[in-house]
C-alpha atoms as a PDB file:
ATOM      1  CA  UNK A   1     133.842 254.141 214.842  1.00  0.00           C
ATOM      2  CA  UNK A   2     136.075 254.421 211.759  1.00  0.00           C
ATOM      3  CA  UNK A   3     135.762 258.207 211.581  1.00  0.00           C
ATOM      4  CA  UNK A   4     136.437 258.590 215.289  1.00  0.00           C
ATOM      5  CA  UNK A   5     139.475 256.453 215.041  1.00  0.00           C
ATOM      6  CA  UNK A   6     140.875 258.380 212.123  1.00  0.00           C
ATOM      7  CA  UNK A   7     140.207 261.643 213.888  1.00  0.00           C
ATOM      8  CA  UNK A   8     141.904 260.531 217.152  1.00  0.00           C
ATOM      9  CA  UNK A   9     144.924 259.437 215.269  1.00  0.00           C
ATOM     10  CA  UNK A  10     145.068 262.771 213.739  1.00  0.00           C
ATOM     11  CA  UNK A  11     144.033 262.146 210.213  1.00  0.00           C
ATOM     12  CA  UNK A  12     141.687 264.596 208.129  1.00  0.00           C
ATOM     13  CA  UNK A  13     139.772 264.407 205.031  1.00  0.00           C
ATOM     14  CA  UNK A  14     141.817 265.395 201.892  1.00  0.00           C
ATOM     15  CA  UNK A  15     138.690 266.790 200.363  1.00  0.00           C
ATOM     16  CA  UNK A  16     137.493 270.174 201.858  1.00  0.00           C
ATOM     17  CA  UNK A  17     134.518 268.653 203.733  1.00  0.00           C
ATOM     18  CA  UNK A  18     133.655 267.941 207.325  1.00  0.00           C
ATOM     19  CA  UNK A  19     134.820 264.536 208.235  1.00  0.00           C
ATOM     20  CA  UNK A  20     131.313 263.617 209.394  1.00  0.00           C
ATOM     21  CA  UNK A  21     129.987 264.042 205.880  1.00  0.00           C
ATOM     22  CA  UNK A  22     131.806 260.707 205.016  1.00  0.00           C
ATOM     23  CA  UNK A  23     129.236 258.900 207.233  1.00  0.00           C
ATOM     24  CA  UNK A  24     126.331 260.248 205.184  1.00  0.00           C
ATOM     25  CA  UNK A  25     125.336 257.700 202.437  1.00  0.00           C
ATOM     26  CA  UNK A  26     123.448 260.265 200.326  1.00  0.00           C
ATOM     27  CA  UNK A  27     126.583 262.519 200.156  1.00  0.00           C
ATOM     28  CA  UNK A  28     128.853 259.642 199.208  1.00  0.00           C
ATOM     29  CA  UNK A  29     126.339 258.742 196.476  1.00  0.00           C
ATOM     30  CA  UNK A  30     126.275 262.359 195.269  1.00  0.00           C
ATOM     31  CA  UNK A  31     130.080 262.488 195.166  1.00  0.00           C
ATOM     32  CA  UNK A  32     130.255 259.296 193.221  1.00  0.00           C
ATOM     33  CA  UNK A  33     127.581 260.481 190.569  1.00  0.00           C
ATOM     34  CA  UNK A  34     128.616 264.194 190.393  1.00  0.00           C
ATOM     35  CA  UNK A  35     132.331 264.062 190.964  1.00  0.00           C
ATOM     36  CA  UNK A  36     133.042 260.505 189.806  1.00  0.00           C
ATOM     37  CA  UNK A  37     134.495 259.993 193.287  1.00  0.00           C
ATOM     38  CA  UNK A  38     135.597 256.441 194.085  1.00  0.00           C
ATOM     39  CA  UNK A  39     137.568 256.794 197.306  1.00  0.00           C
ATOM     40  CA  UNK A  40     137.548 259.221 200.170  1.00  0.00           C
ATOM     41  CA  UNK A  41     141.181 259.996 201.249  1.00  0.00           C
ATOM     42  CA  UNK A  42     142.409 260.847 204.616  1.00  0.00           C
ATOM     43  CA  UNK A  43     145.885 262.361 205.251  1.00  0.00           C
ATOM     44  CA  UNK A  44     147.882 263.243 208.284  1.00  0.00           C
ATOM     45  CA  UNK A  45     149.322 266.810 208.548  1.00  0.00           C
ATOM     46  CA  UNK A  46     152.578 265.293 209.989  1.00  0.00           C
ATOM     47  CA  UNK A  47     152.831 262.470 207.553  1.00  0.00           C
ATOM     48  CA  UNK A  48     152.095 264.192 204.185  1.00  0.00           C
ATOM     49  CA  UNK A  49     153.025 261.244 202.044  1.00  0.00           C
ATOM     50  CA  UNK A  50     150.652 258.843 203.947  1.00  0.00           C
ATOM     51  CA  UNK A  51     147.181 258.575 202.711  1.00  0.00           C
ATOM     52  CA  UNK A  52     144.404 256.272 203.798  1.00  0.00           C
ATOM     53  CA  UNK A  53     141.859 255.696 200.873  1.00  0.00           C
ATOM     54  CA  UNK A  54     138.483 254.355 201.740  1.00  0.00           C
ATOM     55  CA  UNK A  55     136.043 253.232 198.974  1.00  0.00           C
ATOM     56  CA  UNK A  56     132.760 255.193 199.244  1.00  0.00           C
ATOM     57  CA  UNK A  57     130.923 252.069 197.843  1.00  0.00           C
ATOM     58  CA  UNK A  58     131.418 248.426 197.947  1.00  0.00           C
ATOM     59  CA  UNK A  59     133.162 247.568 194.554  1.00  0.00           C
ATOM     60  CA  UNK A  60     133.965 243.975 195.835  1.00  0.00           C
ATOM     61  CA  UNK A  61     131.530 242.372 198.215  1.00  0.00           C
ATOM     62  CA  UNK A  62     133.285 242.564 201.549  1.00  0.00           C
ATOM     63  CA  UNK A  63     132.393 238.911 202.549  1.00  0.00           C
ATOM     64  CA  UNK A  64     134.103 237.697 199.395  1.00  0.00           C
ATOM     65  CA  UNK A  65     137.208 239.838 199.769  1.00  0.00           C
ATOM     66  CA  UNK A  66     137.474 238.773 203.434  1.00  0.00           C
ATOM     67  CA  UNK A  67     137.245 235.309 202.535  1.00  0.00           C
ATOM     68  CA  UNK A  68     140.188 235.719 200.231  1.00  0.00           C
ATOM     69  CA  UNK A  69     142.265 237.806 202.651  1.00  0.00           C
ATOM     70  CA  UNK A  70     145.705 236.859 203.737  1.00  0.00           C
ATOM     71  CA  UNK A  71     146.634 236.929 207.475  1.00  0.00           C
ATOM     72  CA  UNK A  72     150.077 238.529 208.092  1.00  0.00           C
ATOM     73  CA  UNK A  73     151.781 238.071 211.385  1.00  0.00           C
ATOM     74  CA  UNK A  74     153.027 241.385 212.754  1.00  0.00           C
ATOM     75  CA  UNK A  75     154.887 240.987 216.071  1.00  0.00           C
ATOM     76  CA  UNK A  76     152.113 240.070 218.669  1.00  0.00           C
ATOM     77  CA  UNK A  77     149.123 240.457 216.292  1.00  0.00           C
ATOM     78  CA  UNK A  78     147.712 239.121 213.115  1.00  0.00           C
ATOM     79  CA  UNK A  79     146.704 241.669 210.414  1.00  0.00           C
ATOM     80  CA  UNK A  80     144.140 240.738 207.753  1.00  0.00           C
ATOM     81  CA  UNK A  81     145.291 242.070 204.390  1.00  0.00           C
ATOM     82  CA  UNK A  82     143.428 242.146 201.160  1.00  0.00           C
ATOM     83  CA  UNK A  83     144.540 239.454 198.558  1.00  0.00           C
ATOM     84  CA  UNK A  84     146.770 240.582 195.574  1.00  0.00           C
ATOM     85  CA  UNK A  85     144.071 239.879 192.935  1.00  0.00           C
ATOM     86  CA  UNK A  86     141.555 241.758 194.869  1.00  0.00           C
ATOM     87  CA  UNK A  87     143.876 244.790 195.490  1.00  0.00           C
ATOM     88  CA  UNK A  88     144.546 244.780 191.731  1.00  0.00           C
ATOM     89  CA  UNK A  89     140.861 244.884 191.098  1.00  0.00           C
ATOM     90  CA  UNK A  90     140.314 247.797 193.361  1.00  0.00           C
ATOM     91  CA  UNK A  91     143.280 249.728 192.008  1.00  0.00           C
ATOM     92  CA  UNK A  92     141.914 249.167 188.508  1.00  0.00           C
ATOM     93  CA  UNK A  93     138.477 250.582 189.516  1.00  0.00           C
ATOM     94  CA  UNK A  94     140.122 253.655 191.010  1.00  0.00           C
ATOM     95  CA  UNK A  95     142.416 253.954 187.996  1.00  0.00           C
ATOM     96  CA  UNK A  96     144.311 256.938 189.314  1.00  0.00           C
ATOM     97  CA  UNK A  97     147.969 257.408 188.015  1.00  0.00           C
ATOM     98  CA  UNK A  98     149.388 256.104 191.190  1.00  0.00           C
ATOM     99  CA  UNK A  99     147.061 253.113 191.324  1.00  0.00           C
ATOM    100  CA  UNK A 100     148.067 252.198 187.792  1.00  0.00           C
ATOM    101  CA  UNK A 101     151.696 252.261 188.745  1.00  0.00           C
ATOM    102  CA  UNK A 102     151.007 250.262 191.871  1.00  0.00           C
ATOM    103  CA  UNK A 103     149.304 247.633 189.679  1.00  0.00           C
ATOM    104  CA  UNK A 104     152.614 247.283 187.631  1.00  0.00           C
ATOM    105  CA  UNK A 105     154.568 246.837 190.781  1.00  0.00           C
ATOM    106  CA  UNK A 106     152.367 244.247 192.214  1.00  0.00           C
ATOM    107  CA  UNK A 107     152.173 242.244 188.947  1.00  0.00           C
ATOM    108  CA  UNK A 108     156.037 242.382 188.680  1.00  0.00           C
ATOM    109  CA  UNK A 109     156.491 241.205 192.258  1.00  0.00           C
ATOM    110  CA  UNK A 110     154.072 238.355 191.604  1.00  0.00           C
ATOM    111  CA  UNK A 111     155.991 237.432 188.365  1.00  0.00           C
ATOM    112  CA  UNK A 112     159.339 237.504 190.366  1.00  0.00           C
ATOM    113  CA  UNK A 113     158.035 234.777 192.591  1.00  0.00           C
ATOM    114  CA  UNK A 114     156.458 237.039 195.111  1.00  0.00           C
ATOM    115  CA  UNK A 115     153.219 236.043 196.866  1.00  0.00           C
ATOM    116  CA  UNK A 116     150.440 235.395 194.442  1.00  0.00           C
ATOM    117  CA  UNK A 117     147.687 236.248 196.966  1.00  0.00           C
END
């Protein structure tokens, strides 16, 4: 369902692979072991700076992260959002340059009285 949704919205894999490959557990495991891949990124050709990163494994048990989520009211719907500490954990696991910069920003916002969750 996720892959179908991303495709309908116009997103494509950043890696040069067919989008259906993301659904194959054995390929994700090979990408992790051979390429040290942590996330599979989707991009939109009309929104080049917008990426959707999806972990290829489960670095934090989903049930635990979901229990710590924060619900954000957006107009007529409630959007569950990962907690600040869990987001920092995930970004540390990815450890790409942008993730490390994001961690600095999140921590600075938390220090300045921003949301601790």
